[in-house]
Amino acid sequence: MRSRVGRPKVENPKSNRFSIRLDKETEEKLMVYCIKHNISKGEAIRRGIHLLLSQKK
């Protein structure tokens, strides 16, 4: 039997890509947040989206 090569499949693949533009101040705040919480910029943005969607109107 051959062993599989490559990365294992994930349950919820992140296949959609977005490009955004940030001003310098916002980008610096995002970087500080990511370093403090040891997460990627993508993960921080995903958490922000979920936070916005969970707020009551």
Protein backbone atom coordinates (compact mmCIF):
# COMPACT_ATOMS: atom_id res chain seq x y z
CA MET A 1 0.00 0.00 0.00
CA ARG A 2 1.33 3.44 -0.91
CA SER A 3 1.38 6.25 1.62
CA ARG A 4 -0.39 9.44 0.65
CA VAL A 5 1.72 12.42 -0.30
CA GLY A 6 0.87 16.04 0.42
CA ARG A 7 -1.21 17.87 2.96
CA PRO A 8 -4.19 16.11 4.52
CA LYS A 9 -7.64 17.23 3.38
CA VAL A 10 -9.36 19.69 5.71
CA GLU A 11 -13.02 19.68 6.70
CA ASN A 12 -13.72 23.25 5.57
CA PRO A 13 -11.17 24.30 2.91
CA LYS A 14 -10.49 28.00 2.47
CA SER A 15 -10.68 28.22 -1.31
CA ASN A 16 -12.16 31.72 -1.74
CA ARG A 17 -9.62 34.54 -1.98
CA PHE A 18 -10.20 38.23 -1.35
CA SER A 19 -8.02 41.27 -1.80
CA ILE A 20 -8.62 44.32 0.35
CA ARG A 21 -6.97 47.69 0.73
CA LEU A 22 -6.19 49.07 4.19
CA ASP A 23 -4.84 52.39 5.28
CA LYS A 24 -1.51 52.31 7.14
CA GLU A 25 -3.06 52.81 10.60
CA THR A 26 -5.56 49.95 10.17
CA GLU A 27 -2.87 47.63 8.81
CA GLU A 28 -0.61 48.38 11.78
CA LYS A 29 -3.45 47.68 14.22
CA LEU A 30 -4.19 44.40 12.44
CA MET A 31 -0.52 43.36 12.63
CA VAL A 32 -0.31 44.20 16.35
CA TYR A 33 -3.48 42.17 17.00
CA CYS A 34 -2.14 39.21 15.01
CA ILE A 35 1.20 39.21 16.83
CA LYS A 36 -0.47 39.56 20.24
CA HIS A 37 -2.87 36.66 19.55
CA ASN A 38 -0.43 34.62 17.45
CA ILE A 39 -2.79 34.32 14.48
CA SER A 40 -2.61 35.10 10.77
CA LYS A 41 -4.17 38.16 9.16
CA GLY A 42 -6.67 35.89 7.42
CA GLU A 43 -7.74 34.31 10.72
CA ALA A 44 -8.14 37.75 12.33
CA ILE A 45 -10.31 38.94 9.45
CA ARG A 46 -12.43 35.75 9.57
CA ARG A 47 -12.96 36.28 13.32
CA GLY A 48 -13.96 39.90 12.66
CA ILE A 49 -16.53 38.83 10.07
CA HIS A 50 -18.01 36.25 12.45
CA LEU A 51 -18.13 38.86 15.22
CA LEU A 52 -20.01 41.31 12.97
CA LEU A 53 -22.48 38.63 11.89
CA SER A 54 -23.14 37.53 15.49
CA GLN A 55 -24.07 41.03 16.70
CA LYS A 56 -27.75 41.78 17.17
CA LYS A 57 -29.18 44.60 15.10
